[in-house]
């Protein structure tokens, strides 16, 4: 299959809408985050060298560099999520006729489930980072584009929550209780951070509309 990120929008949407289980919510979560990062970059680019924003140019340049890094990482995660799901499917199809085959299948399947949880977990982490830079552009970026800072935050928040669901569904198949507890704790912290930041950003935007 052609890499998802090489497809046009219609092709990607058709692929998501098809009967194939992948790409699914994890890839869509990464796309939501990438769109959020792109909007933060746009506000930065509309603030650069703009009269009235001379004092924030250095900070905006740093934010732009970070948001572009996040956009690239999240774009990569769109395909990585689908690849991880496909590895789970491959493991499920492994033979299980003998005890040795069953044990090998169990081991490979557990590794695949962990990888399938790690990818959306990384998506959630990156989306929280977008919220931190979106907060800066909401406060200091071009006021004519402040609504775009809000949409950036909303996309990132959606990316966090969507990615978390994809982590949790894989955790339910993982037999390592310490790993499950560690990831569950991190998910709780990421969600709290995301909700706090997105609320702060929307409040800033509301006051300036």
Protein backbone atom coordinates (compact mmCIF):
# COMPACT_ATOMS: atom_id res chain seq x y z
CA UNK A 1 0.00 0.00 0.00
CA UNK A 2 1.18 3.53 -0.78
CA UNK A 3 2.36 5.34 2.32
CA UNK A 4 -0.60 7.20 3.80
CA UNK A 5 1.28 10.49 3.92
CA UNK A 6 1.92 10.24 0.16
CA UNK A 7 -1.81 10.02 -0.60
CA UNK A 8 -3.98 13.01 -1.41
CA UNK A 9 -6.74 13.94 1.03
CA UNK A 10 -9.47 12.10 -0.86
CA UNK A 11 -7.41 8.91 -1.10
CA UNK A 12 -6.64 9.03 2.61
CA UNK A 13 -10.28 9.57 3.55
CA UNK A 14 -11.35 6.75 1.23
CA UNK A 15 -8.79 4.48 2.89
CA UNK A 16 -10.04 5.37 6.37
CA UNK A 17 -13.67 4.84 5.30
CA UNK A 18 -12.97 1.44 3.73
CA UNK A 19 -13.59 -1.96 5.34
CA UNK A 20 -9.88 -2.23 6.17
CA UNK A 21 -9.32 -1.78 9.95
CA UNK A 22 -6.20 0.28 9.27
CA UNK A 23 -5.65 3.17 8.95
CA UNK A 24 -7.90 3.80 11.90
CA UNK A 25 -8.16 6.01 14.94
CA UNK A 26 -4.46 6.01 15.72
CA UNK A 27 -3.44 7.36 12.32
CA UNK A 28 -6.29 9.87 12.44
CA UNK A 29 -5.11 11.01 15.89
CA UNK A 30 -1.62 11.63 14.50
CA UNK A 31 -3.11 13.54 11.57
CA UNK A 32 -5.14 15.71 13.97
CA UNK A 33 -1.96 16.53 15.84
CA UNK A 34 -0.06 17.29 12.64
CA UNK A 35 -2.82 19.68 11.57
CA UNK A 36 -2.66 21.37 14.97
CA UNK A 37 1.10 21.81 14.60
CA UNK A 38 0.66 23.17 11.07
CA UNK A 39 -1.78 25.82 12.31
CA UNK A 40 0.63 26.92 15.03
CA UNK A 41 3.33 27.21 12.36
CA UNK A 42 0.96 29.29 10.22
CA UNK A 43 0.34 31.77 13.04
CA UNK A 44 4.10 32.01 13.56
CA UNK A 45 4.68 32.69 9.87
CA UNK A 46 1.98 35.38 9.93
CA UNK A 47 3.71 36.98 12.92
CA UNK A 48 7.26 36.96 11.55
CA UNK A 49 8.52 40.39 10.49
CA UNK A 50 5.08 41.84 11.22
CA UNK A 51 4.87 45.43 12.42
CA UNK A 52 3.83 45.60 16.06
CA UNK A 53 5.36 42.22 16.92
CA UNK A 54 9.03 43.20 16.95
CA UNK A 55 9.55 42.25 20.60
CA UNK A 56 8.40 38.65 20.18
CA UNK A 57 10.28 37.76 16.99
CA UNK A 58 12.93 35.58 18.68
CA UNK A 59 10.33 33.68 20.70
CA UNK A 60 8.09 33.20 17.66
CA UNK A 61 11.07 31.88 15.67
CA UNK A 62 11.71 29.28 18.40
CA UNK A 63 8.05 28.28 18.46
CA UNK A 64 8.03 27.91 14.68
CA UNK A 65 11.06 25.63 14.80
CA UNK A 66 9.40 23.48 17.48
CA UNK A 67 6.01 23.31 15.78
CA UNK A 68 7.61 22.27 12.49
CA UNK A 69 9.56 19.55 14.29
CA UNK A 70 6.30 18.31 15.86
CA UNK A 71 4.51 18.45 12.52
CA UNK A 72 7.17 16.23 10.96
CA UNK A 73 7.13 13.76 13.87
CA UNK A 74 3.34 13.47 13.86
CA UNK A 75 3.25 13.06 10.09
CA UNK A 76 5.63 10.12 10.48
CA UNK A 77 3.38 8.65 13.20
CA UNK A 78 0.43 8.47 10.77
CA UNK A 79 2.07 5.56 8.93
CA UNK A 80 3.83 4.16 11.99
CA UNK A 81 0.49 3.60 13.70
CA UNK A 82 -0.89 1.62 10.77
CA UNK A 83 2.36 -0.36 10.52
CA UNK A 84 2.14 -1.27 14.21
CA UNK A 85 -1.44 -2.47 13.80
CA UNK A 86 -0.42 -4.60 10.84
CA UNK A 87 2.30 -6.25 12.97
CA UNK A 88 -0.36 -7.23 15.52
CA UNK A 89 -2.44 -8.74 12.72
CA UNK A 90 0.58 -10.71 11.49
CA UNK A 91 1.28 -12.04 14.96
CA UNK A 92 -2.34 -13.12 15.38
CA UNK A 93 -2.06 -15.18 12.20
CA UNK A 94 0.98 -17.12 13.41
CA UNK A 95 0.53 -20.90 13.75
CA UNK A 96 -0.45 -22.25 17.18
CA UNK A 97 -0.58 -25.99 16.71
CA UNK A 98 2.29 -26.97 19.00
CA UNK A 99 3.25 -25.66 22.45
CA UNK A 100 6.42 -24.19 20.97
CA UNK A 101 4.41 -22.34 18.30
CA UNK A 102 1.95 -21.10 20.91
CA UNK A 103 4.74 -19.75 23.11
CA UNK A 104 6.48 -18.07 20.18
CA UNK A 105 3.16 -16.55 19.09
CA UNK A 106 2.44 -15.27 22.60
CA UNK A 107 5.86 -13.63 22.88
CA UNK A 108 5.71 -11.94 19.48
CA UNK A 109 2.12 -10.89 20.03
CA UNK A 110 2.93 -9.22 23.36
CA UNK A 111 5.80 -7.31 21.72
CA UNK A 112 3.45 -6.24 18.91
CA UNK A 113 0.77 -5.08 21.34
CA UNK A 114 3.32 -3.00 23.25
CA UNK A 115 4.53 -1.38 20.04
CA UNK A 116 0.91 -0.74 19.03
CA UNK A 117 0.45 1.04 22.37
CA UNK A 118 3.75 2.96 22.20
CA UNK A 119 2.99 4.63 18.87
CA UNK A 120 -0.27 6.36 19.94
CA UNK A 121 1.33 7.10 23.32
CA UNK A 122 4.03 9.02 21.45
CA UNK A 123 1.28 10.75 19.45
CA UNK A 124 -0.37 11.86 22.69
CA UNK A 125 2.95 13.18 24.02
CA UNK A 126 3.61 15.16 20.84
CA UNK A 127 0.08 16.60 20.86
CA UNK A 128 0.56 17.87 24.42
CA UNK A 129 3.74 19.59 23.24
CA UNK A 130 1.72 21.31 20.51
CA UNK A 131 -0.56 22.74 23.16
CA UNK A 132 2.44 24.32 24.88
CA UNK A 133 3.54 26.14 21.72
CA UNK A 134 -0.04 26.98 20.72
CA UNK A 135 -0.37 28.69 24.10
CA UNK A 136 2.52 31.00 23.20
CA UNK A 137 1.09 31.95 19.79
CA UNK A 138 -2.35 32.54 21.32
CA UNK A 139 -0.75 35.01 23.74
CA UNK A 140 1.85 36.62 21.51
CA UNK A 141 1.09 35.76 17.88
CA UNK A 142 -0.69 37.76 15.21
CA UNK A 143 -4.07 38.72 16.68
CA UNK A 144 -5.69 38.51 13.24
CA UNK A 145 -5.00 34.77 13.34
CA UNK A 146 -5.86 34.09 16.97
CA UNK A 147 -8.79 31.88 16.00
CA UNK A 148 -6.27 29.62 14.23
CA UNK A 149 -4.36 29.29 17.50
CA UNK A 150 -7.62 28.07 19.07
CA UNK A 151 -8.21 25.54 16.29
CA UNK A 152 -4.60 24.37 16.69
CA UNK A 153 -5.33 23.71 20.36
CA UNK A 154 -8.58 21.91 19.60
CA UNK A 155 -6.90 19.64 17.05
CA UNK A 156 -4.08 18.87 19.47
CA UNK A 157 -6.51 18.15 22.29
CA UNK A 158 -8.46 15.83 20.00
CA UNK A 159 -5.19 14.16 19.02
CA UNK A 160 -4.38 13.51 22.68
CA UNK A 161 -7.78 12.05 23.53
CA UNK A 162 -8.00 9.97 20.34
CA UNK A 163 -4.47 8.62 20.78
CA UNK A 164 -5.22 7.70 24.40
CA UNK A 165 -8.13 5.51 23.34
CA UNK A 166 -5.83 3.65 20.98
CA UNK A 167 -3.28 3.15 23.74
CA UNK A 168 -5.93 1.81 26.12
CA UNK A 169 -7.36 -0.72 23.69
CA UNK A 170 -3.89 -2.22 23.26
CA UNK A 171 -3.18 -2.15 27.00
CA UNK A 172 -6.16 -4.44 27.50
CA UNK A 173 -4.24 -7.20 25.67
CA UNK A 174 -0.89 -6.70 27.41
CA UNK A 175 -0.06 -9.16 30.20
CA UNK A 176 2.70 -7.08 31.84
CA UNK A 177 0.97 -5.39 34.84
CA UNK A 178 3.89 -3.06 35.62
CA UNK A 179 3.97 -1.79 32.05
CA UNK A 180 0.19 -1.33 32.00
CA UNK A 181 0.27 0.63 35.27
CA UNK A 182 3.15 2.83 34.13
CA UNK A 183 1.45 3.73 30.86
CA UNK A 184 -1.94 4.26 32.52
CA UNK A 185 -0.37 6.73 34.96
CA UNK A 186 1.29 8.62 32.11
CA UNK A 187 -1.98 8.75 30.17
CA UNK A 188 -3.72 10.33 33.15
CA UNK A 189 -1.00 12.98 33.42
CA UNK A 190 -1.08 13.71 29.68
CA UNK A 191 -4.85 14.15 29.71
CA UNK A 192 -4.75 16.50 32.69
CA UNK A 193 -2.02 18.56 31.05
CA UNK A 194 -3.88 18.67 27.72
CA UNK A 195 -7.20 19.73 29.21
CA UNK A 196 -5.59 22.44 31.32
CA UNK A 197 -3.60 23.89 28.44
CA UNK A 198 -6.45 23.78 25.94
CA UNK A 199 -8.77 25.52 28.41
CA UNK A 200 -6.17 28.24 28.99
CA UNK A 201 -5.72 28.76 25.25
CA UNK A 202 -9.46 28.95 24.56
CA UNK A 203 -9.87 31.47 27.38
CA UNK A 204 -7.12 33.66 25.89
CA UNK A 205 -8.74 33.46 22.47
CA UNK A 206 -12.24 34.19 23.76
CA UNK A 207 -11.00 37.39 25.42
CA UNK A 208 -9.45 38.57 22.15
CA UNK A 209 -12.22 37.78 19.66
